[in-house]
C-alpha atoms as a PDB file:
ATOM      1  CA  MET A   1      12.998  66.319 -53.376  1.00  0.00           C
ATOM      2  CA  LEU A   2       9.672  68.122 -53.473  1.00  0.00           C
ATOM      3  CA  VAL A   3       8.279  68.870 -56.925  1.00  0.00           C
ATOM      4  CA  THR A   4       5.065  70.596 -58.005  1.00  0.00           C
ATOM      5  CA  LEU A   5       2.795  68.956 -60.579  1.00  0.00           C
ATOM      6  CA  GLY A   6       0.092  71.619 -60.393  1.00  0.00           C
ATOM      7  CA  VAL A   7      -0.838  74.569 -58.185  1.00  0.00           C
ATOM      8  CA  ASN A   8      -4.060  76.618 -57.859  1.00  0.00           C
ATOM      9  CA  GLN A   9      -5.737  74.251 -60.299  1.00  0.00           C
ATOM     10  CA  THR A  10      -9.501  74.177 -60.951  1.00  0.00           C
ATOM     11  CA  ILE A  11     -11.423  71.117 -62.090  1.00  0.00           C
ATOM     12  CA  ALA A  12     -15.047  71.513 -63.162  1.00  0.00           C
ATOM     13  CA  ALA A  13     -17.830  69.390 -61.701  1.00  0.00           C
ATOM     14  CA  SER A  14     -17.699  65.840 -63.128  1.00  0.00           C
ATOM     15  CA  GLY A  15     -14.449  66.728 -64.885  1.00  0.00           C
ATOM     16  CA  SER A  16     -11.003  65.208 -64.522  1.00  0.00           C
ATOM     17  CA  GLN A  17      -7.441  66.330 -65.026  1.00  0.00           C
ATOM     18  CA  THR A  18      -4.138  64.489 -65.144  1.00  0.00           C
ATOM     19  CA  PHE A  19      -0.903  65.962 -63.825  1.00  0.00           C
ATOM     20  CA  THR A  20       2.434  64.452 -64.772  1.00  0.00           C
ATOM     21  CA  TYR A  21       6.123  64.531 -63.891  1.00  0.00           C
ATOM     22  CA  SER A  22       9.158  62.678 -65.212  1.00  0.00           C
ATOM     23  CA  PRO A  23      11.271  61.452 -62.243  1.00  0.00           C
ATOM     24  CA  ASN A  24      13.818  58.696 -61.738  1.00  0.00           C
ATOM     25  CA  SER A  25      11.846  57.404 -58.747  1.00  0.00           C
ATOM     26  CA  VAL A  26       8.692  58.293 -56.794  1.00  0.00           C
ATOM     27  CA  GLN A  27       8.191  58.123 -53.010  1.00  0.00           C
ATOM     28  CA  GLU A  28       5.072  60.149 -52.125  1.00  0.00           C
ATOM     29  CA  VAL A  29       2.167  62.114 -53.624  1.00  0.00           C
ATOM     30  CA  HIS A  30       0.661  65.079 -51.730  1.00  0.00           C
ATOM     31  CA  LEU A  31      -2.670  66.758 -52.450  1.00  0.00           C
ATOM     32  CA  ALA A  32      -4.456  69.790 -51.026  1.00  0.00           C
ATOM     33  CA  LEU A  33      -8.117  69.849 -52.077  1.00  0.00           C
ATOM     34  CA  GLN A  34     -10.558  72.722 -51.504  1.00  0.00           C
ATOM     35  CA  ASP A  35     -14.301  73.369 -51.831  1.00  0.00           C
ATOM     36  CA  ALA A  36     -17.305  71.553 -50.442  1.00  0.00           C
ATOM     37  CA  ASP A  37     -17.654  67.943 -51.555  1.00  0.00           C
ATOM     38  CA  TRP A  38     -13.901  67.516 -52.081  1.00  0.00           C
ATOM     39  CA  GLU A  39     -14.375  64.210 -50.221  1.00  0.00           C
ATOM     40  CA  ALA A  40     -16.239  62.658 -53.181  1.00  0.00           C
ATOM     41  CA  SER A  41     -13.467  63.329 -55.699  1.00  0.00           C
ATOM     42  CA  ARG A  42     -11.309  60.378 -56.737  1.00  0.00           C
ATOM     43  CA  VAL A  43      -7.571  59.989 -57.192  1.00  0.00           C
ATOM     44  CA  THR A  44      -5.696  57.672 -59.527  1.00  0.00           C
ATOM     45  CA  VAL A  45      -1.904  57.381 -59.501  1.00  0.00           C
ATOM     46  CA  GLN A  46       0.064  55.623 -62.212  1.00  0.00           C
ATOM     47  CA  ILE A  47       3.732  54.887 -62.843  1.00  0.00           C
ATOM     48  CA  GLY A  48       3.872  54.509 -66.602  1.00  0.00           C
ATOM     49  CA  SER A  49       0.934  52.262 -67.516  1.00  0.00           C
ATOM     50  CA  ARG A  50       0.761  50.628 -64.070  1.00  0.00           C
ATOM     51  CA  THR A  51      -1.997  51.825 -61.717  1.00  0.00           C
ATOM     52  CA  ILE A  52      -0.843  52.007 -58.094  1.00  0.00           C
ATOM     53  CA  VAL A  53      -3.786  53.988 -56.632  1.00  0.00           C
ATOM     54  CA  ASN A  54      -7.019  52.788 -58.228  1.00  0.00           C
ATOM     55  CA  GLY A  55      -9.386  55.761 -58.321  1.00  0.00           C
ATOM     56  CA  ILE A  56      -9.811  55.930 -54.554  1.00  0.00           C
ATOM     57  CA  GLN A  57     -12.147  58.479 -52.955  1.00  0.00           C
ATOM     58  CA  SER A  58     -10.280  61.453 -51.529  1.00  0.00           C
ATOM     59  CA  TYR A  59     -12.232  60.932 -48.306  1.00  0.00           C
ATOM     60  CA  GLY A  60     -10.768  57.446 -47.923  1.00  0.00           C
ATOM     61  CA  LEU A  61      -7.266  58.685 -48.737  1.00  0.00           C
ATOM     62  CA  MET A  62      -7.692  61.355 -46.078  1.00  0.00           C
ATOM     63  CA  GLY A  63      -8.585  58.581 -43.613  1.00  0.00           C
ATOM     64  CA  MET A  64      -5.285  56.900 -44.427  1.00  0.00           C
ATOM     65  CA  THR A  65      -3.456  60.233 -44.112  1.00  0.00           C
ATOM     66  CA  GLN A  66      -4.717  60.751 -40.549  1.00  0.00           C
ATOM     67  CA  LEU A  67      -2.588  57.749 -39.524  1.00  0.00           C
ATOM     68  CA  VAL A  68       0.583  59.710 -40.310  1.00  0.00           C
ATOM     69  CA  SER A  69      -0.390  63.397 -40.172  1.00  0.00           C
ATOM     70  CA  GLY A  70      -2.050  65.699 -37.660  1.00  0.00           C
ATOM     71  CA  THR A  71      -2.998  68.260 -40.314  1.00  0.00           C
ATOM     72  CA  ALA A  72      -6.469  69.706 -39.717  1.00  0.00           C
ATOM     73  CA  GLN A  73      -9.126  68.307 -42.042  1.00  0.00           C
ATOM     74  CA  ASN A  74     -12.641  69.714 -42.557  1.00  0.00           C
ATOM     75  CA  THR A  75     -15.552  69.696 -45.002  1.00  0.00           C
ATOM     76  CA  ASN A  76     -13.984  72.473 -47.097  1.00  0.00           C
ATOM     77  CA  ASN A  77     -10.335  71.442 -47.031  1.00  0.00           C
ATOM     78  CA  GLY A  78      -8.674  68.059 -47.320  1.00  0.00           C
ATOM     79  CA  HIS A  79      -4.999  67.172 -47.218  1.00  0.00           C
ATOM     80  CA  ILE A  80      -3.733  63.843 -48.524  1.00  0.00           C
ATOM     81  CA  ARG A  81      -0.372  62.108 -48.280  1.00  0.00           C
ATOM     82  CA  ILE A  82       0.098  58.915 -50.280  1.00  0.00           C
ATOM     83  CA  ASP A  83       3.166  56.930 -49.228  1.00  0.00           C
ATOM     84  CA  LEU A  84       4.310  54.856 -52.202  1.00  0.00           C
ATOM     85  CA  GLY A  85       7.450  53.430 -50.622  1.00  0.00           C
ATOM     86  CA  ASN A  86      10.004  53.589 -53.422  1.00  0.00           C
ATOM     87  CA  TRP A  87       9.005  53.188 -57.080  1.00  0.00           C
ATOM     88  CA  GLU A  88      11.843  53.162 -59.594  1.00  0.00           C
ATOM     89  CA  CYS A  89      10.750  54.643 -62.926  1.00  0.00           C
ATOM     90  CA  THR A  90      12.348  52.519 -65.629  1.00  0.00           C
ATOM     91  CA  ARG A  91      11.833  52.622 -69.413  1.00  0.00           C
ATOM     92  CA  MET A  92      11.076  56.349 -69.247  1.00  0.00           C
ATOM     93  CA  ASP A  93       7.987  55.759 -67.076  1.00  0.00           C
ATOM     94  CA  ASN A  94       6.356  58.995 -65.922  1.00  0.00           C
ATOM     95  CA  LEU A  95       4.295  59.722 -62.815  1.00  0.00           C
ATOM     96  CA  TYR A  96       0.629  60.471 -63.544  1.00  0.00           C
ATOM     97  CA  VAL A  97      -1.836  61.793 -60.940  1.00  0.00           C
ATOM     98  CA  THR A  98      -5.455  62.027 -62.119  1.00  0.00           C
ATOM     99  CA  ILE A  99      -8.150  63.777 -60.092  1.00  0.00           C
ATOM    100  CA  GLN A 100     -11.805  63.114 -60.941  1.00  0.00           C
ATOM    101  CA  ALA A 101     -14.034  65.830 -59.462  1.00  0.00           C
ATOM    102  CA  SER A 102     -17.594  65.338 -58.247  1.00  0.00           C
ATOM    103  CA  SER A 103     -18.382  68.995 -57.615  1.00  0.00           C
ATOM    104  CA  GLU A 104     -16.067  71.771 -58.748  1.00  0.00           C
ATOM    105  CA  LEU A 105     -12.650  71.859 -57.106  1.00  0.00           C
ATOM    106  CA  THR A 106     -10.562  75.038 -56.956  1.00  0.00           C
ATOM    107  CA  GLY A 107      -7.135  75.943 -55.627  1.00  0.00           C
ATOM    108  CA  ILE A 108      -5.832  72.381 -55.858  1.00  0.00           C
ATOM    109  CA  ASP A 109      -2.161  71.774 -55.087  1.00  0.00           C
ATOM    110  CA  ILE A 110      -0.611  68.591 -56.484  1.00  0.00           C
ATOM    111  CA  SER A 111       2.949  67.770 -55.476  1.00  0.00           C
ATOM    112  CA  ALA A 112       5.214  64.778 -55.003  1.00  0.00           C
ATOM    113  CA  ILE A 113       8.386  63.590 -53.324  1.00  0.00           C
ATOM    114  CA  VAL A 114      10.669  62.115 -55.984  1.00  0.00           C
ATOM    115  CA  ASP A 115      14.256  60.972 -56.479  1.00  0.00           C
ATOM    116  CA  GLU A 116      14.927  60.368 -52.776  1.00  0.00           C
ATOM    117  CA  PRO A 117      16.673  56.987 -52.537  1.00  0.00           C
ATOM    118  CA  ARG A 118      14.939  54.925 -49.861  1.00  0.00           C
ATOM    119  CA  THR A 119      15.368  51.412 -48.572  1.00  0.00           C
ATOM    120  CA  ALA A 120      11.697  50.629 -49.109  1.00  0.00           C
ATOM    121  CA  GLN A 121       9.633  48.380 -51.327  1.00  0.00           C
ATOM    122  CA  PRO A 122       7.132  49.780 -53.836  1.00  0.00           C
ATOM    123  CA  LEU A 123       3.654  50.190 -52.335  1.00  0.00           C
ATOM    124  CA  LYS A 124       0.227  50.056 -53.948  1.00  0.00           C
ATOM    125  CA  TRP A 125      -3.056  51.401 -52.508  1.00  0.00           C
ATOM    126  CA  THR A 126      -6.245  49.608 -53.519  1.00  0.00           C
ATOM    127  CA  ALA A 127      -9.898  50.259 -52.655  1.00  0.00           C
ATOM    128  CA  TYR A 128     -12.206  47.225 -52.489  1.00  0.00           C
ATOM    129  CA  SER A 129     -16.003  47.530 -52.382  1.00  0.00           C
ATOM    130  CA  ASP A 130     -16.684  43.766 -52.288  1.00  0.00           C
ATOM    131  CA  ASN A 131     -17.786  42.251 -48.984  1.00  0.00           C
ATOM    132  CA  THR A 132     -15.458  39.295 -49.528  1.00  0.00           C
ATOM    133  CA  PHE A 133     -12.082  39.648 -51.225  1.00  0.00           C
ATOM    134  CA  THR A 134      -8.408  38.749 -50.943  1.00  0.00           C
ATOM    135  CA  SER A 135      -5.660  41.357 -50.801  1.00  0.00           C
ATOM    136  CA  PRO A 136      -2.262  40.151 -52.078  1.00  0.00           C
ATOM    137  CA  ASN A 137       0.932  41.139 -50.218  1.00  0.00           C
ATOM    138  CA  ASN A 138      -1.164  43.018 -47.681  1.00  0.00           C
ATOM    139  CA  LEU A 139       0.480  45.306 -45.115  1.00  0.00           C
ATOM    140  CA  TYR A 140      -2.512  47.075 -43.515  1.00  0.00           C
ATOM    141  CA  ALA A 141      -6.056  48.236 -44.203  1.00  0.00           C
ATOM    142  CA  ILE A 142      -8.721  50.713 -43.129  1.00  0.00           C
ATOM    143  CA  SER A 143     -12.492  50.572 -43.604  1.00  0.00           C
ATOM    144  CA  TYR A 144     -15.225  53.223 -43.971  1.00  0.00           C
ATOM    145  CA  ASP A 145     -18.602  54.123 -45.481  1.00  0.00           C
ATOM    146  CA  SER A 146     -18.038  55.475 -48.989  1.00  0.00           C
ATOM    147  CA  GLY A 147     -21.714  56.240 -49.665  1.00  0.00           C
ATOM    148  CA  GLY A 148     -22.494  58.706 -46.898  1.00  0.00           C
ATOM    149  CA  PHE A 149     -19.232  59.017 -44.918  1.00  0.00           C
ATOM    150  CA  ALA A 150     -21.199  57.852 -41.881  1.00  0.00           C
ATOM    151  CA  ASP A 151     -20.116  57.273 -38.283  1.00  0.00           C
ATOM    152  CA  VAL A 152     -18.886  53.660 -37.998  1.00  0.00           C
ATOM    153  CA  SER A 153     -18.183  53.672 -34.262  1.00  0.00           C
ATOM    154  CA  GLY A 154     -21.496  51.830 -33.741  1.00  0.00           C
ATOM    155  CA  ASP A 155     -21.216  49.482 -36.759  1.00  0.00           C
ATOM    156  CA  ASN A 156     -21.963  46.288 -34.828  1.00  0.00           C
ATOM    157  CA  TYR A 157     -20.957  43.668 -37.382  1.00  0.00           C
ATOM    158  CA  ASN A 158     -17.969  41.353 -37.312  1.00  0.00           C
ATOM    159  CA  ILE A 159     -15.343  41.244 -40.029  1.00  0.00           C
ATOM    160  CA  GLU A 160     -13.373  38.050 -40.577  1.00  0.00           C
ATOM    161  CA  ILE A 161      -9.702  38.674 -41.363  1.00  0.00           C
ATOM    162  CA  ARG A 162      -7.454  35.751 -42.356  1.00  0.00           C
ATOM    163  CA  ASN A 163      -3.882  35.283 -43.486  1.00  0.00           C
ATOM    164  CA  ARG A 164      -1.641  32.221 -43.532  1.00  0.00           C
ATOM    165  CA  MET A 165      -0.550  32.791 -39.945  1.00  0.00           C
ATOM    166  CA  GLU A 166      -3.756  33.671 -38.112  1.00  0.00           C
ATOM    167  CA  SER A 167      -7.421  34.650 -38.289  1.00  0.00           C
ATOM    168  CA  SER A 168      -9.779  36.831 -36.265  1.00  0.00           C
ATOM    169  CA  ALA A 169     -13.291  38.246 -36.466  1.00  0.00           C
ATOM    170  CA  PRO A 170     -13.347  41.590 -34.633  1.00  0.00           C
ATOM    171  CA  SER A 171     -16.333  43.891 -34.566  1.00  0.00           C
ATOM    172  CA  LEU A 172     -16.184  46.892 -36.857  1.00  0.00           C
ATOM    173  CA  ILE A 173     -16.793  48.884 -33.663  1.00  0.00           C
ATOM    174  CA  SER A 174     -13.465  47.580 -32.356  1.00  0.00           C
ATOM    175  CA  ALA A 175     -11.847  48.504 -35.665  1.00  0.00           C
ATOM    176  CA  ASN A 176     -12.901  52.105 -35.047  1.00  0.00           C
ATOM    177  CA  THR A 177     -11.522  51.971 -31.507  1.00  0.00           C
ATOM    178  CA  TYR A 178      -8.223  50.718 -32.956  1.00  0.00           C
ATOM    179  CA  TYR A 179      -8.232  53.518 -35.545  1.00  0.00           C
ATOM    180  CA  GLN A 180      -8.803  56.161 -32.884  1.00  0.00           C
ATOM    181  CA  SER A 181      -5.797  54.851 -30.942  1.00  0.00           C
ATOM    182  CA  LEU A 182      -3.518  55.366 -33.964  1.00  0.00           C
ATOM    183  CA  ILE A 183      -4.545  58.619 -35.655  1.00  0.00           C
ATOM    184  CA  LEU A 184      -2.700  61.899 -35.224  1.00  0.00           C
ATOM    185  CA  SER A 185      -5.727  64.033 -36.158  1.00  0.00           C
ATOM    186  CA  ASP A 186      -9.183  63.661 -34.603  1.00  0.00           C
ATOM    187  CA  ALA A 187     -11.150  65.549 -37.267  1.00  0.00           C
ATOM    188  CA  TYR A 188     -12.784  62.334 -38.538  1.00  0.00           C
ATOM    189  CA  ASN A 189     -12.149  59.977 -35.660  1.00  0.00           C
ATOM    190  CA  VAL A 190     -15.393  57.949 -35.803  1.00  0.00           C
ATOM    191  CA  GLN A 191     -15.589  57.549 -39.585  1.00  0.00           C
ATOM    192  CA  PHE A 192     -12.905  54.888 -40.102  1.00  0.00           C
ATOM    193  CA  GLY A 193     -11.744  51.532 -38.794  1.00  0.00           C
ATOM    194  CA  PHE A 194      -8.214  50.125 -38.695  1.00  0.00           C
ATOM    195  CA  LEU A 195      -8.453  46.427 -39.522  1.00  0.00           C
ATOM    196  CA  ASN A 196      -5.011  44.835 -39.408  1.00  0.00           C
ATOM    197  CA  LYS A 197      -1.278  45.296 -39.723  1.00  0.00           C
ATOM    198  CA  ASN A 198       0.996  42.591 -41.114  1.00  0.00           C
ATOM    199  CA  VAL A 199       4.673  42.706 -40.131  1.00  0.00           C
ATOM    200  CA  VAL A 200       5.543  41.214 -43.519  1.00  0.00           C
ATOM    201  CA  PRO A 201       3.396  41.265 -46.677  1.00  0.00           C
ATOM    202  CA  MET A 202       0.848  38.451 -46.567  1.00  0.00           C
ATOM    203  CA  GLN A 203      -2.150  37.457 -48.637  1.00  0.00           C
ATOM    204  CA  THR A 204      -5.084  38.518 -46.476  1.00  0.00           C
ATOM    205  CA  THR A 205      -8.779  37.767 -46.882  1.00  0.00           C
ATOM    206  CA  TYR A 206     -11.617  39.974 -45.605  1.00  0.00           C
ATOM    207  CA  ASN A 207     -15.258  38.948 -45.191  1.00  0.00           C
ATOM    208  CA  TYR A 208     -18.018  41.108 -43.649  1.00  0.00           C
ATOM    209  CA  SER A 209     -21.785  41.600 -43.873  1.00  0.00           C
ATOM    210  CA  SER A 210     -23.360  43.598 -46.675  1.00  0.00           C
ATOM    211  CA  SER A 211     -25.706  44.999 -43.997  1.00  0.00           C
ATOM    212  CA  ALA A 212     -22.848  46.846 -42.306  1.00  0.00           C
ATOM    213  CA  VAL A 213     -22.552  50.622 -42.545  1.00  0.00           C
ATOM    214  CA  THR A 214     -18.973  49.973 -43.654  1.00  0.00           C
ATOM    215  CA  ASP A 215     -18.847  49.318 -47.400  1.00  0.00           C
ATOM    216  CA  THR A 216     -15.273  49.992 -48.543  1.00  0.00           C
ATOM    217  CA  ILE A 217     -11.816  48.819 -47.489  1.00  0.00           C
ATOM    218  CA  ILE A 218      -8.565  50.467 -48.571  1.00  0.00           C
ATOM    219  CA  THR A 219      -5.447  48.317 -48.420  1.00  0.00           C
ATOM    220  CA  CYS A 220      -1.759  49.119 -48.611  1.00  0.00           C
ATOM    221  CA  GLU A 221      -0.006  46.320 -50.474  1.00  0.00           C
ATOM    222  CA  ALA A 222       3.656  45.625 -51.219  1.00  0.00           C
ATOM    223  CA  VAL A 223       4.670  45.146 -54.845  1.00  0.00           C
ATOM    224  CA  GLY A 224       7.581  43.085 -56.098  1.00  0.00           C
ATOM    225  CA  SER A 225      10.348  44.942 -57.922  1.00  0.00           C
ATOM    226  CA  THR A 226      12.151  43.855 -61.075  1.00  0.00           C
ATOM    227  CA  PRO A 227      15.935  43.233 -61.261  1.00  0.00           C
ATOM    228  CA  GLN A 228      16.229  46.425 -63.317  1.00  0.00           C
ATOM    229  CA  GLN A 229      14.388  48.431 -60.662  1.00  0.00           C
ATOM    230  CA  ARG A 230      16.547  46.988 -57.880  1.00  0.00           C
ATOM    231  CA  ALA A 231      19.720  47.772 -59.799  1.00  0.00           C
ATOM    232  CA  GLN A 232      18.548  51.327 -60.442  1.00  0.00           C
ATOM    233  CA  ALA A 233      17.651  51.798 -56.761  1.00  0.00           C
ATOM    234  CA  LYS A 234      21.073  50.513 -55.704  1.00  0.00           C
ATOM    235  CA  GLU A 235      22.802  52.865 -58.125  1.00  0.00           C
ATOM    236  CA  SER A 236      20.761  55.870 -56.935  1.00  0.00           C
ATOM    237  CA  LYS A 237      21.528  55.089 -53.302  1.00  0.00           C
ATOM    238  CA  ALA A 238      25.255  54.753 -54.045  1.00  0.00           C
ATOM    239  CA  MET A 239      25.271  58.100 -55.865  1.00  0.00           C
ATOM    240  CA  ALA A 240      23.481  59.773 -52.949  1.00  0.00           C
ATOM    241  CA  LEU A 241      25.948  58.361 -50.425  1.00  0.00           C
ATOM    242  CA  ALA A 242      28.882  59.409 -52.579  1.00  0.00           C
ATOM    243  CA  SER A 243      27.600  62.989 -52.781  1.00  0.00           C
ATOM    244  CA  VAL A 244      27.244  63.153 -48.997  1.00  0.00           C
ATOM    245  CA  GLY A 245      30.854  62.055 -48.569  1.00  0.00           C
ATOM    246  CA  ARG A 246      32.247  64.810 -50.754  1.00  0.00           C
END
């Protein structure tokens, strides 16, 4: 179900605010951000004490959102959808969404999809600024320029991508071409690259030049669930099915 964590909220320049909700499970977080420079704000999502979105720029999250949404984006308005798969909230864990503003933000809407039983693993979104790093349980990744939000369609450097099954070294120009073939909105079609998609979660290593315009990679990674979380998910699904059959 859709729940509201905050509506028409204002966060002062360089300020931050945390919005919370107490669900049984969490599936998605949605944000609507207004005002110029919304792109430089940062978003952190936690389930209890566990960070599952690590202070990622709203601009980068918007780049991920364009893969699944055709909502219009512009320099004064950004819409973000964070797919978290299915996180079971055990031990009274709450959902926390923290927004760190660069310039003042007004009219913010913070909402979430919670308590919808899904056959999905928990997902974690991580931003990496290192030129060489390894992403555990990687599902897919996008790349972009976090410093100036520059056009990367001419970023003529190769990026080496390796997992246990295969390796490649495509140009970051090709990564942008790939991204453009997948997005549902063309508002920022030359600002991102789509790097890879793993059918199953696999440890994946990225290596690219520090001279590239591209300087940040955001990954979507699968997270293992505990026996308690799996049992709770099974119980929630059974209850949902039982209610449908009534």
